[in-house]
N, C-alpha and C. Protein backbone atom coordinates (compact mmCIF):
# COMPACT_ATOMS: atom_id res chain seq x y z
N PHE A 1 10.59 -29.85 -8.27
CA PHE A 1 11.35 -28.63 -8.49
C PHE A 1 12.82 -28.90 -8.79
N GLY A 2 13.20 -30.15 -8.87
CA GLY A 2 14.59 -30.48 -9.16
C GLY A 2 15.53 -30.19 -8.01
N ILE A 3 15.06 -30.35 -6.77
CA ILE A 3 15.90 -30.08 -5.60
C ILE A 3 16.58 -31.38 -5.16
N PRO A 4 17.90 -31.37 -5.03
CA PRO A 4 18.58 -32.59 -4.56
C PRO A 4 18.05 -33.02 -3.20
N THR A 5 18.06 -34.30 -2.95
CA THR A 5 17.50 -34.83 -1.71
C THR A 5 18.27 -34.38 -0.48
N ASP A 6 19.52 -33.99 -0.65
CA ASP A 6 20.32 -33.58 0.51
C ASP A 6 20.40 -32.06 0.66
N GLU A 7 19.60 -31.32 -0.10
CA GLU A 7 19.64 -29.86 -0.02
C GLU A 7 18.47 -29.33 0.80
N ASN A 8 18.78 -28.40 1.69
CA ASN A 8 17.74 -27.79 2.52
C ASN A 8 17.04 -26.66 1.76
N PHE A 9 15.77 -26.50 2.01
CA PHE A 9 15.02 -25.40 1.40
C PHE A 9 13.85 -25.04 2.30
N VAL A 10 13.30 -23.86 2.07
CA VAL A 10 12.12 -23.41 2.81
C VAL A 10 11.11 -22.85 1.83
N ILE A 11 9.86 -22.86 2.22
CA ILE A 11 8.79 -22.22 1.46
C ILE A 11 8.25 -21.09 2.31
N THR A 12 8.19 -19.87 1.74
CA THR A 12 7.75 -18.72 2.51
C THR A 12 6.67 -17.94 1.75
N THR A 13 5.99 -17.06 2.47
CA THR A 13 5.10 -16.10 1.83
C THR A 13 5.94 -14.95 1.30
N THR A 14 5.31 -14.01 0.61
CA THR A 14 6.04 -12.85 0.11
C THR A 14 6.46 -11.93 1.25
N SER A 15 5.93 -12.16 2.45
CA SER A 15 6.37 -11.41 3.64
C SER A 15 7.47 -12.15 4.38
N ARG A 16 8.01 -13.20 3.76
CA ARG A 16 9.09 -14.01 4.31
C ARG A 16 8.68 -14.73 5.60
N LYS A 17 7.42 -15.15 5.68
CA LYS A 17 6.99 -16.00 6.78
C LYS A 17 7.09 -17.45 6.33
N GLU A 18 7.88 -18.24 7.05
CA GLU A 18 8.12 -19.62 6.66
C GLU A 18 6.86 -20.46 6.83
N ILE A 19 6.56 -21.28 5.81
CA ILE A 19 5.42 -22.18 5.87
C ILE A 19 5.84 -23.43 6.64
N THR A 20 5.10 -23.74 7.69
CA THR A 20 5.38 -24.93 8.49
C THR A 20 4.11 -25.77 8.59
N GLU A 21 4.26 -26.92 9.19
CA GLU A 21 3.10 -27.79 9.39
C GLU A 21 2.04 -27.11 10.25
N ASP A 22 2.49 -26.28 11.19
CA ASP A 22 1.56 -25.65 12.13
C ASP A 22 0.75 -24.52 11.49
N ASN A 23 1.39 -23.76 10.57
CA ASN A 23 0.68 -22.60 10.02
C ASN A 23 0.25 -22.80 8.57
N PHE A 24 0.40 -24.00 8.04
CA PHE A 24 0.12 -24.25 6.63
C PHE A 24 -1.31 -23.83 6.26
N SER A 25 -2.29 -24.29 7.01
CA SER A 25 -3.69 -24.01 6.68
C SER A 25 -4.02 -22.53 6.82
N GLU A 26 -3.26 -21.83 7.65
CA GLU A 26 -3.50 -20.40 7.87
C GLU A 26 -2.90 -19.55 6.76
N LEU A 27 -1.70 -19.89 6.31
CA LEU A 27 -0.98 -19.04 5.37
C LEU A 27 -1.16 -19.43 3.91
N VAL A 28 -1.41 -20.70 3.64
CA VAL A 28 -1.51 -21.18 2.25
C VAL A 28 -2.97 -21.22 1.84
N GLN A 29 -3.36 -20.26 1.01
CA GLN A 29 -4.72 -20.18 0.51
C GLN A 29 -4.69 -19.89 -0.98
N ASP A 30 -5.83 -20.02 -1.62
CA ASP A 30 -5.91 -19.76 -3.05
C ASP A 30 -5.46 -18.34 -3.35
N GLY A 31 -4.62 -18.19 -4.37
CA GLY A 31 -4.19 -16.87 -4.79
C GLY A 31 -2.97 -16.35 -4.07
N VAL A 32 -2.46 -17.07 -3.07
CA VAL A 32 -1.29 -16.63 -2.32
C VAL A 32 -0.02 -16.99 -3.09
N THR A 33 0.89 -16.02 -3.23
CA THR A 33 2.17 -16.27 -3.89
C THR A 33 3.18 -16.77 -2.86
N LEU A 34 3.91 -17.82 -3.21
CA LEU A 34 4.89 -18.42 -2.31
C LEU A 34 6.28 -18.38 -2.94
N TYR A 35 7.30 -18.31 -2.09
CA TYR A 35 8.70 -18.38 -2.52
C TYR A 35 9.28 -19.73 -2.11
N LEU A 36 10.05 -20.33 -3.00
CA LEU A 36 10.83 -21.52 -2.69
C LEU A 36 12.29 -21.07 -2.61
N LEU A 37 12.85 -21.07 -1.38
CA LEU A 37 14.16 -20.47 -1.13
C LEU A 37 15.09 -21.44 -0.40
N GLN A 38 16.36 -21.13 -0.45
CA GLN A 38 17.33 -21.90 0.32
C GLN A 38 17.32 -21.49 1.79
N SER A 39 16.95 -20.24 2.06
CA SER A 39 16.81 -19.75 3.42
C SER A 39 15.78 -18.62 3.42
N VAL A 40 15.22 -18.32 4.59
CA VAL A 40 14.17 -17.31 4.67
C VAL A 40 14.66 -15.95 4.20
N ASP A 41 15.92 -15.64 4.49
CA ASP A 41 16.46 -14.32 4.16
C ASP A 41 17.25 -14.30 2.85
N GLN A 42 17.07 -15.31 2.00
CA GLN A 42 17.80 -15.36 0.73
C GLN A 42 17.41 -14.18 -0.16
N MET A 43 18.40 -13.59 -0.82
CA MET A 43 18.13 -12.51 -1.76
C MET A 43 17.44 -13.10 -2.99
N LEU A 44 16.44 -12.40 -3.50
CA LEU A 44 15.76 -12.86 -4.71
C LEU A 44 16.65 -12.58 -5.92
N LEU A 45 16.79 -13.56 -6.79
CA LEU A 45 17.64 -13.40 -7.97
C LEU A 45 16.96 -12.53 -9.01
N LEU A 46 15.64 -12.58 -9.06
CA LEU A 46 14.88 -11.80 -10.03
C LEU A 46 13.67 -11.17 -9.35
N ALA A 47 13.17 -10.11 -9.93
CA ALA A 47 11.93 -9.52 -9.43
C ALA A 47 10.78 -10.46 -9.75
N THR A 48 9.88 -10.62 -8.81
CA THR A 48 8.71 -11.45 -9.03
C THR A 48 7.50 -10.56 -9.27
N LYS A 49 6.63 -10.98 -10.16
CA LYS A 49 5.44 -10.19 -10.49
C LYS A 49 4.21 -10.99 -10.07
N GLU A 50 3.29 -10.29 -9.40
CA GLU A 50 2.08 -10.93 -8.89
C GLU A 50 0.88 -10.12 -9.33
N ARG A 51 -0.07 -10.77 -9.98
CA ARG A 51 -1.28 -10.07 -10.41
C ARG A 51 -2.26 -10.02 -9.25
N ILE A 52 -2.79 -8.84 -8.98
CA ILE A 52 -3.74 -8.67 -7.89
C ILE A 52 -5.14 -8.62 -8.49
N ASP A 53 -5.98 -9.54 -8.07
CA ASP A 53 -7.35 -9.59 -8.56
C ASP A 53 -8.31 -9.26 -7.44
N PHE A 54 -9.14 -8.27 -7.67
CA PHE A 54 -10.22 -7.97 -6.73
C PHE A 54 -11.31 -7.24 -7.50
N LEU A 55 -12.52 -7.28 -6.99
CA LEU A 55 -13.63 -6.60 -7.63
C LEU A 55 -13.68 -5.18 -7.11
N PRO A 56 -13.34 -4.20 -7.93
CA PRO A 56 -13.33 -2.82 -7.45
C PRO A 56 -14.75 -2.33 -7.20
N HIS A 57 -14.88 -1.43 -6.25
CA HIS A 57 -16.17 -0.81 -5.98
C HIS A 57 -16.61 -0.04 -7.23
N TYR A 58 -17.91 -0.02 -7.49
CA TYR A 58 -18.36 0.63 -8.73
C TYR A 58 -17.99 2.09 -8.78
N ASP A 59 -17.83 2.75 -7.61
CA ASP A 59 -17.44 4.15 -7.61
C ASP A 59 -16.07 4.34 -8.25
N THR A 60 -15.20 3.33 -8.13
CA THR A 60 -13.88 3.43 -8.75
C THR A 60 -14.02 3.53 -10.26
N LEU A 61 -15.01 2.84 -10.81
CA LEU A 61 -15.19 2.80 -12.25
C LEU A 61 -15.94 4.03 -12.77
N VAL A 62 -16.96 4.47 -12.05
CA VAL A 62 -17.81 5.52 -12.60
C VAL A 62 -17.57 6.90 -11.99
N LYS A 63 -16.88 6.96 -10.84
CA LYS A 63 -16.69 8.24 -10.17
C LYS A 63 -15.24 8.53 -9.82
N SER A 64 -14.31 7.76 -10.37
CA SER A 64 -12.92 7.92 -9.94
C SER A 64 -12.44 9.34 -10.15
N GLY A 65 -11.95 9.94 -9.07
CA GLY A 65 -11.42 11.29 -9.16
C GLY A 65 -12.43 12.40 -9.00
N MET A 66 -13.69 12.06 -8.80
CA MET A 66 -14.71 13.12 -8.68
C MET A 66 -14.86 13.53 -7.22
N TYR A 67 -14.56 14.78 -6.94
CA TYR A 67 -14.67 15.29 -5.57
C TYR A 67 -15.86 16.23 -5.47
N GLU A 68 -17.01 15.70 -5.88
CA GLU A 68 -18.18 16.57 -5.93
C GLU A 68 -18.55 17.12 -4.56
N TYR A 69 -18.26 16.39 -3.48
CA TYR A 69 -18.65 16.87 -2.16
C TYR A 69 -17.79 18.04 -1.70
N TYR A 70 -16.57 18.17 -2.28
CA TYR A 70 -15.76 19.36 -2.00
C TYR A 70 -16.12 20.48 -2.98
N ALA A 71 -16.26 20.10 -4.25
CA ALA A 71 -16.54 21.11 -5.27
C ALA A 71 -17.87 21.82 -4.99
N SER A 72 -18.82 21.09 -4.41
CA SER A 72 -20.13 21.69 -4.15
C SER A 72 -20.03 22.81 -3.11
N GLU A 73 -18.97 22.78 -2.33
CA GLU A 73 -18.79 23.83 -1.33
C GLU A 73 -17.98 24.99 -1.89
N GLY A 74 -17.69 24.94 -3.18
CA GLY A 74 -16.96 26.02 -3.80
C GLY A 74 -15.49 26.07 -3.43
N GLN A 75 -14.92 24.94 -3.01
CA GLN A 75 -13.52 24.91 -2.60
C GLN A 75 -12.66 24.28 -3.68
N ASN A 76 -11.40 24.66 -3.72
CA ASN A 76 -10.45 24.04 -4.63
C ASN A 76 -10.11 22.65 -4.08
N PRO A 77 -10.42 21.58 -4.81
CA PRO A 77 -10.24 20.24 -4.25
C PRO A 77 -8.81 19.73 -4.22
N LEU A 78 -7.88 20.39 -4.94
CA LEU A 78 -6.52 19.86 -5.01
C LEU A 78 -5.85 19.73 -3.64
N PRO A 79 -5.95 20.74 -2.74
CA PRO A 79 -5.33 20.55 -1.42
C PRO A 79 -5.89 19.36 -0.66
N PHE A 80 -7.19 19.08 -0.83
CA PHE A 80 -7.77 17.93 -0.16
C PHE A 80 -7.20 16.64 -0.72
N ALA A 81 -7.01 16.59 -2.04
CA ALA A 81 -6.43 15.39 -2.65
C ALA A 81 -5.01 15.15 -2.14
N LEU A 82 -4.22 16.23 -2.06
CA LEU A 82 -2.85 16.09 -1.55
C LEU A 82 -2.86 15.67 -0.07
N ALA A 83 -3.81 16.20 0.69
CA ALA A 83 -3.91 15.83 2.10
C ALA A 83 -4.20 14.35 2.27
N GLU A 84 -5.03 13.80 1.38
CA GLU A 84 -5.33 12.37 1.44
C GLU A 84 -4.06 11.54 1.22
N LEU A 85 -3.23 11.97 0.27
CA LEU A 85 -2.00 11.23 -0.01
C LEU A 85 -1.03 11.34 1.17
N ILE A 86 -0.98 12.52 1.78
CA ILE A 86 -0.10 12.71 2.93
C ILE A 86 -0.54 11.84 4.11
N ASP A 87 -1.84 11.58 4.19
CA ASP A 87 -2.37 10.78 5.30
C ASP A 87 -1.71 9.41 5.38
N ASN A 88 -1.44 8.82 4.21
CA ASN A 88 -0.76 7.51 4.21
C ASN A 88 0.61 7.62 4.88
N SER A 89 1.32 8.71 4.59
CA SER A 89 2.64 8.91 5.18
C SER A 89 2.55 9.21 6.67
N LEU A 90 1.52 9.94 7.09
CA LEU A 90 1.33 10.21 8.51
C LEU A 90 1.13 8.91 9.28
N SER A 91 0.33 8.01 8.71
CA SER A 91 0.10 6.73 9.36
C SER A 91 1.38 5.89 9.39
N ALA A 92 2.09 5.90 8.26
CA ALA A 92 3.29 5.07 8.15
C ALA A 92 4.39 5.52 9.10
N THR A 93 4.48 6.82 9.39
CA THR A 93 5.56 7.33 10.24
C THR A 93 5.12 7.55 11.68
N SER A 94 3.90 7.17 12.02
CA SER A 94 3.36 7.48 13.35
C SER A 94 4.15 6.80 14.47
N ARG A 95 4.80 5.68 14.15
CA ARG A 95 5.54 4.94 15.19
C ARG A 95 7.05 5.13 15.09
N ASN A 96 7.48 6.05 14.26
CA ASN A 96 8.92 6.30 14.14
C ASN A 96 9.51 6.73 15.48
N THR A 97 10.65 6.16 15.82
CA THR A 97 11.33 6.57 17.05
C THR A 97 12.25 7.76 16.79
N GLY A 98 12.60 7.96 15.53
CA GLY A 98 13.44 9.10 15.16
C GLY A 98 12.66 10.15 14.41
N ILE A 99 13.32 10.79 13.47
CA ILE A 99 12.71 11.88 12.71
C ILE A 99 11.66 11.32 11.75
N ARG A 100 10.53 12.02 11.66
CA ARG A 100 9.51 11.68 10.68
C ARG A 100 9.74 12.55 9.45
N SER A 101 10.03 11.93 8.33
CA SER A 101 10.32 12.67 7.11
C SER A 101 9.22 12.40 6.08
N ILE A 102 8.55 13.46 5.64
CA ILE A 102 7.53 13.36 4.60
C ILE A 102 7.82 14.43 3.56
N GLN A 103 8.01 14.03 2.31
CA GLN A 103 8.31 14.97 1.24
C GLN A 103 7.23 14.89 0.16
N ILE A 104 6.88 16.03 -0.39
CA ILE A 104 5.97 16.10 -1.54
C ILE A 104 6.75 16.69 -2.70
N LYS A 105 6.80 15.96 -3.82
CA LYS A 105 7.51 16.44 -4.99
C LYS A 105 6.56 16.50 -6.18
N LEU A 106 6.58 17.63 -6.89
CA LEU A 106 5.82 17.78 -8.12
C LEU A 106 6.79 17.63 -9.28
N LEU A 107 6.61 16.60 -10.09
CA LEU A 107 7.55 16.26 -11.15
C LEU A 107 6.96 16.66 -12.50
N PHE A 108 7.68 17.54 -13.22
CA PHE A 108 7.20 18.01 -14.51
C PHE A 108 8.22 17.80 -15.62
N ASP A 109 9.29 17.06 -15.35
CA ASP A 109 10.34 16.82 -16.34
C ASP A 109 9.88 15.72 -17.30
N ASP A 110 9.59 16.09 -18.55
CA ASP A 110 9.08 15.13 -19.52
C ASP A 110 10.05 13.99 -19.77
N SER A 111 11.36 14.24 -19.57
CA SER A 111 12.35 13.20 -19.83
C SER A 111 12.24 12.06 -18.82
N GLN A 112 11.59 12.34 -17.68
CA GLN A 112 11.42 11.32 -16.65
C GLN A 112 10.06 10.63 -16.73
N GLY A 113 9.30 10.95 -17.77
CA GLY A 113 7.97 10.38 -17.91
C GLY A 113 6.91 11.46 -17.78
N LYS A 114 5.69 11.05 -17.58
CA LYS A 114 4.58 11.99 -17.46
C LYS A 114 4.68 12.76 -16.15
N PRO A 115 4.06 13.96 -16.09
CA PRO A 115 4.04 14.72 -14.83
C PRO A 115 3.45 13.87 -13.71
N ALA A 116 3.95 14.06 -12.50
CA ALA A 116 3.52 13.22 -11.39
C ALA A 116 3.64 13.97 -10.07
N VAL A 117 2.90 13.49 -9.10
CA VAL A 117 3.02 13.94 -7.72
C VAL A 117 3.62 12.78 -6.93
N ALA A 118 4.74 13.02 -6.25
CA ALA A 118 5.40 11.97 -5.47
C ALA A 118 5.35 12.34 -3.99
N VAL A 119 4.86 11.42 -3.17
CA VAL A 119 4.87 11.59 -1.72
C VAL A 119 5.82 10.53 -1.16
N ILE A 120 6.88 10.98 -0.48
CA ILE A 120 7.95 10.09 -0.02
C ILE A 120 8.08 10.20 1.50
N ASP A 121 8.15 9.05 2.18
CA ASP A 121 8.30 9.09 3.63
C ASP A 121 9.25 8.00 4.09
N ASN A 122 9.65 8.06 5.35
CA ASN A 122 10.55 7.06 5.94
C ASN A 122 9.78 6.22 6.96
N GLY A 123 8.56 5.84 6.60
CA GLY A 123 7.70 5.07 7.49
C GLY A 123 8.05 3.60 7.54
N ARG A 124 7.19 2.83 8.19
CA ARG A 124 7.47 1.43 8.44
C ARG A 124 7.34 0.54 7.21
N GLY A 125 6.73 1.05 6.15
CA GLY A 125 6.61 0.27 4.93
C GLY A 125 5.44 -0.69 4.97
N MET A 126 5.13 -1.27 3.81
CA MET A 126 4.01 -2.20 3.70
C MET A 126 4.46 -3.47 3.00
N THR A 127 3.89 -4.58 3.43
CA THR A 127 4.15 -5.86 2.77
C THR A 127 3.33 -5.92 1.49
N SER A 128 3.57 -6.94 0.68
CA SER A 128 2.81 -7.09 -0.56
C SER A 128 1.33 -7.27 -0.26
N LYS A 129 1.01 -7.99 0.81
CA LYS A 129 -0.38 -8.20 1.19
C LYS A 129 -1.03 -6.90 1.64
N GLN A 130 -0.31 -6.09 2.36
CA GLN A 130 -0.85 -4.82 2.81
C GLN A 130 -1.05 -3.85 1.64
N LEU A 131 -0.15 -3.90 0.66
CA LEU A 131 -0.34 -3.10 -0.55
C LEU A 131 -1.60 -3.56 -1.28
N ASN A 132 -1.79 -4.86 -1.34
CA ASN A 132 -3.00 -5.42 -1.96
C ASN A 132 -4.24 -4.87 -1.27
N ASN A 133 -4.22 -4.89 0.06
CA ASN A 133 -5.38 -4.42 0.81
C ASN A 133 -5.61 -2.92 0.61
N TRP A 134 -4.54 -2.16 0.46
CA TRP A 134 -4.68 -0.71 0.23
C TRP A 134 -5.44 -0.46 -1.06
N ALA A 135 -5.23 -1.33 -2.04
CA ALA A 135 -5.85 -1.13 -3.35
C ALA A 135 -7.36 -1.34 -3.32
N VAL A 136 -7.86 -2.09 -2.35
CA VAL A 136 -9.29 -2.41 -2.32
C VAL A 136 -10.08 -1.18 -1.89
N TYR A 137 -11.04 -0.83 -2.70
CA TYR A 137 -11.82 0.38 -2.46
C TYR A 137 -12.81 0.18 -1.32
N ARG A 138 -12.90 1.16 -0.45
CA ARG A 138 -13.82 1.15 0.68
C ARG A 138 -13.55 -0.01 1.64
N LEU A 139 -12.31 -0.30 1.87
CA LEU A 139 -11.92 -1.25 2.90
C LEU A 139 -11.30 -0.44 4.02
N SER A 140 -12.02 -0.29 5.12
CA SER A 140 -11.60 0.58 6.21
C SER A 140 -10.23 0.19 6.73
N LYS A 141 -9.46 1.20 7.17
CA LYS A 141 -8.13 0.94 7.72
C LYS A 141 -8.21 0.07 8.97
N PHE A 142 -9.41 -0.07 9.56
CA PHE A 142 -9.55 -0.89 10.76
C PHE A 142 -9.93 -2.33 10.43
N THR A 143 -10.30 -2.60 9.19
CA THR A 143 -10.67 -3.96 8.82
C THR A 143 -9.76 -4.55 7.77
N ARG A 144 -8.76 -3.78 7.30
CA ARG A 144 -7.82 -4.32 6.33
C ARG A 144 -7.01 -5.43 6.97
N GLN A 145 -6.81 -6.49 6.21
CA GLN A 145 -6.03 -7.61 6.73
C GLN A 145 -4.72 -7.68 5.98
N GLY A 146 -3.61 -7.61 6.70
CA GLY A 146 -2.29 -7.72 6.09
C GLY A 146 -1.61 -8.95 6.66
N ASP A 147 -1.68 -10.07 5.88
CA ASP A 147 -1.18 -11.34 6.40
C ASP A 147 -1.85 -11.64 7.74
N PHE A 148 -3.16 -11.44 7.77
CA PHE A 148 -4.00 -11.76 8.93
C PHE A 148 -3.71 -10.84 10.11
N GLU A 149 -3.13 -9.69 9.82
CA GLU A 149 -2.95 -8.66 10.84
C GLU A 149 -3.15 -7.32 10.17
N SER A 150 -4.00 -6.49 10.74
CA SER A 150 -4.28 -5.20 10.13
C SER A 150 -3.00 -4.38 10.03
N ASP A 151 -2.87 -3.63 8.90
CA ASP A 151 -1.70 -2.77 8.76
C ASP A 151 -1.80 -1.56 9.66
N HIS A 152 -2.91 -1.43 10.40
CA HIS A 152 -3.05 -0.37 11.39
C HIS A 152 -3.31 -0.99 12.77
N SER A 153 -2.75 -2.17 13.03
CA SER A 153 -2.95 -2.80 14.32
C SER A 153 -2.39 -1.91 15.42
N GLY A 154 -3.15 -1.78 16.49
CA GLY A 154 -2.74 -0.92 17.58
C GLY A 154 -3.05 0.54 17.35
N TYR A 155 -3.70 0.84 16.22
CA TYR A 155 -4.01 2.23 15.89
C TYR A 155 -5.05 2.78 16.85
N VAL A 156 -4.80 3.93 17.39
CA VAL A 156 -5.76 4.62 18.26
C VAL A 156 -6.21 5.88 17.55
N ARG A 157 -7.51 6.03 17.39
CA ARG A 157 -8.01 7.20 16.67
C ARG A 157 -7.66 8.47 17.44
N PRO A 158 -6.92 9.39 16.82
CA PRO A 158 -6.47 10.58 17.54
C PRO A 158 -7.62 11.53 17.82
N LEU A 159 -7.43 12.37 18.83
CA LEU A 159 -8.43 13.38 19.15
C LEU A 159 -8.44 14.43 18.04
N PRO A 160 -9.62 14.96 17.72
CA PRO A 160 -9.67 15.98 16.66
C PRO A 160 -8.95 17.25 17.08
N VAL A 161 -8.11 17.75 16.19
CA VAL A 161 -7.36 18.98 16.44
C VAL A 161 -7.70 19.94 15.32
N PRO A 162 -8.19 21.14 15.61
CA PRO A 162 -8.56 22.08 14.56
C PRO A 162 -7.40 22.40 13.62
N ARG A 163 -7.68 22.42 12.32
CA ARG A 163 -6.74 22.84 11.30
C ARG A 163 -5.41 22.07 11.37
N SER A 164 -5.51 20.76 11.52
CA SER A 164 -4.28 19.96 11.52
C SER A 164 -4.57 18.61 10.87
N LEU A 165 -3.53 17.95 10.43
CA LEU A 165 -3.64 16.61 9.88
C LEU A 165 -3.30 15.63 10.99
N ASN A 166 -4.20 14.72 11.29
CA ASN A 166 -4.00 13.83 12.42
C ASN A 166 -3.98 12.36 12.03
N SER A 167 -3.74 12.07 10.75
CA SER A 167 -3.63 10.69 10.28
C SER A 167 -4.96 9.96 10.42
N ASP A 168 -6.05 10.67 10.31
CA ASP A 168 -7.36 10.05 10.40
C ASP A 168 -8.23 10.45 9.21
N ILE A 169 -7.60 10.94 8.14
CA ILE A 169 -8.35 11.44 7.00
C ILE A 169 -9.06 10.31 6.27
N SER A 170 -8.31 9.25 5.95
CA SER A 170 -8.87 8.16 5.16
C SER A 170 -9.50 7.09 6.03
N TYR A 171 -10.30 7.51 6.97
CA TYR A 171 -10.88 6.60 7.97
C TYR A 171 -11.62 5.44 7.31
N PHE A 172 -12.32 5.72 6.21
CA PHE A 172 -13.13 4.69 5.60
C PHE A 172 -12.48 4.04 4.38
N GLY A 173 -11.21 4.33 4.15
CA GLY A 173 -10.51 3.63 3.08
C GLY A 173 -10.88 4.08 1.69
N VAL A 174 -11.39 5.30 1.53
CA VAL A 174 -11.80 5.79 0.22
C VAL A 174 -10.83 6.83 -0.31
N GLY A 175 -10.36 7.72 0.59
CA GLY A 175 -9.67 8.93 0.17
C GLY A 175 -8.47 8.73 -0.72
N GLY A 176 -7.59 7.78 -0.36
CA GLY A 176 -6.36 7.61 -1.11
C GLY A 176 -6.59 7.32 -2.58
N LYS A 177 -7.50 6.42 -2.87
CA LYS A 177 -7.77 6.06 -4.26
C LYS A 177 -8.41 7.21 -5.02
N GLN A 178 -9.39 7.88 -4.40
CA GLN A 178 -10.02 9.01 -5.08
C GLN A 178 -9.01 10.13 -5.31
N ALA A 179 -8.14 10.34 -4.34
CA ALA A 179 -7.13 11.39 -4.48
C ALA A 179 -6.22 11.09 -5.66
N VAL A 180 -5.80 9.84 -5.78
CA VAL A 180 -4.92 9.44 -6.87
C VAL A 180 -5.57 9.73 -8.21
N PHE A 181 -6.82 9.32 -8.36
CA PHE A 181 -7.46 9.47 -9.66
C PHE A 181 -7.96 10.89 -9.91
N PHE A 182 -8.00 11.70 -8.87
CA PHE A 182 -8.28 13.12 -9.10
C PHE A 182 -7.04 13.79 -9.67
N VAL A 183 -5.87 13.45 -9.12
CA VAL A 183 -4.63 14.09 -9.55
C VAL A 183 -4.18 13.55 -10.90
N GLY A 184 -4.33 12.24 -11.13
CA GLY A 184 -3.82 11.65 -12.36
C GLY A 184 -4.58 10.40 -12.76
N GLN A 185 -3.94 9.60 -13.60
CA GLN A 185 -4.59 8.42 -14.16
C GLN A 185 -4.05 7.10 -13.60
N SER A 186 -3.01 7.19 -12.77
CA SER A 186 -2.45 5.94 -12.25
C SER A 186 -1.71 6.21 -10.94
N ALA A 187 -1.48 5.14 -10.20
CA ALA A 187 -0.74 5.23 -8.94
C ALA A 187 0.34 4.16 -8.93
N ARG A 188 1.52 4.53 -8.47
CA ARG A 188 2.61 3.57 -8.30
C ARG A 188 3.11 3.71 -6.87
N MET A 189 2.94 2.65 -6.08
CA MET A 189 3.39 2.67 -4.69
C MET A 189 4.59 1.75 -4.56
N ILE A 190 5.69 2.29 -4.04
CA ILE A 190 6.92 1.53 -3.84
C ILE A 190 7.21 1.53 -2.34
N SER A 191 7.34 0.36 -1.75
CA SER A 191 7.46 0.28 -0.30
C SER A 191 8.43 -0.82 0.11
N LYS A 192 9.26 -0.50 1.08
CA LYS A 192 10.17 -1.48 1.67
C LYS A 192 9.82 -1.61 3.15
N PRO A 193 9.25 -2.74 3.55
CA PRO A 193 8.88 -2.90 4.96
C PRO A 193 10.10 -2.80 5.87
N ALA A 194 9.89 -2.25 7.05
CA ALA A 194 10.98 -2.17 8.02
C ALA A 194 11.49 -3.57 8.33
N ASN A 195 12.79 -3.69 8.50
CA ASN A 195 13.43 -4.98 8.82
C ASN A 195 13.24 -6.01 7.72
N SER A 196 13.09 -5.56 6.48
CA SER A 196 12.96 -6.48 5.35
C SER A 196 13.88 -6.02 4.24
N GLN A 197 14.37 -6.98 3.47
CA GLN A 197 15.25 -6.65 2.36
C GLN A 197 14.47 -6.53 1.05
N ASP A 198 13.18 -6.87 1.07
CA ASP A 198 12.38 -6.87 -0.14
C ASP A 198 11.70 -5.52 -0.36
N VAL A 199 11.66 -5.10 -1.61
CA VAL A 199 10.95 -3.89 -2.00
C VAL A 199 9.71 -4.32 -2.79
N HIS A 200 8.55 -3.83 -2.38
CA HIS A 200 7.30 -4.18 -3.03
C HIS A 200 6.78 -2.98 -3.82
N GLU A 201 6.20 -3.25 -4.97
CA GLU A 201 5.71 -2.18 -5.84
C GLU A 201 4.32 -2.55 -6.32
N LEU A 202 3.40 -1.59 -6.24
CA LEU A 202 2.03 -1.79 -6.68
C LEU A 202 1.68 -0.73 -7.71
N VAL A 203 1.06 -1.14 -8.81
CA VAL A 203 0.63 -0.21 -9.85
C VAL A 203 -0.88 -0.32 -10.02
N LEU A 204 -1.57 0.80 -9.90
CA LEU A 204 -3.00 0.89 -10.18
C LEU A 204 -3.18 1.89 -11.30
N SER A 205 -3.94 1.53 -12.34
CA SER A 205 -4.15 2.50 -13.41
C SER A 205 -5.61 2.50 -13.81
N LYS A 206 -6.08 3.68 -14.15
CA LYS A 206 -7.46 3.82 -14.62
C LYS A 206 -7.67 3.03 -15.90
N GLU A 207 -6.62 2.97 -16.74
CA GLU A 207 -6.71 2.23 -17.99
C GLU A 207 -6.97 0.75 -17.73
N ASP A 208 -6.28 0.18 -16.74
CA ASP A 208 -6.47 -1.22 -16.40
C ASP A 208 -7.88 -1.47 -15.88
N PHE A 209 -8.38 -0.52 -15.04
CA PHE A 209 -9.74 -0.67 -14.54
C PHE A 209 -10.74 -0.67 -15.69
């Protein structure tokens, strides 16, 4: 890499976990993106792009956006789709010690791009690995692995409360993706993990699928 022999450097994961002799076999695997930095908290000079490869569930390809189980009951499926998107924010803000802020914005200004639904929260954020796991269809929130730790570690399934959102909507890891493709043709998730200086962005599009 052209590093002088007297210069210190570290190798980290995209979650800024330093690779050492002790954790090398655990953290370094095929397909893992690594950073070569002068220090663990070094600012990145450029944005890094990482291609996420996974085999999507066939329902993503042939049924994306179809809410036949709601439509069959004669209900308008749009509120259910929005509720699925809000569920991610409910989970993300569940451990906030301060105010939980969740905003829903409907964007129709053509100058800003195509119409979109934006759900914004002040939750704990997701690492690049956790964003990767979110993209996998039918991967339960209890079995998702985010750098070998579930992004819902310590999650306790809430008691059912009539007519309320309890952050248990996407229990089986299906709702978010179906909701996205019901509302539109692509999803862009932008997340900054708590206590991290890095911003991670994930793009899923029906065209790419």
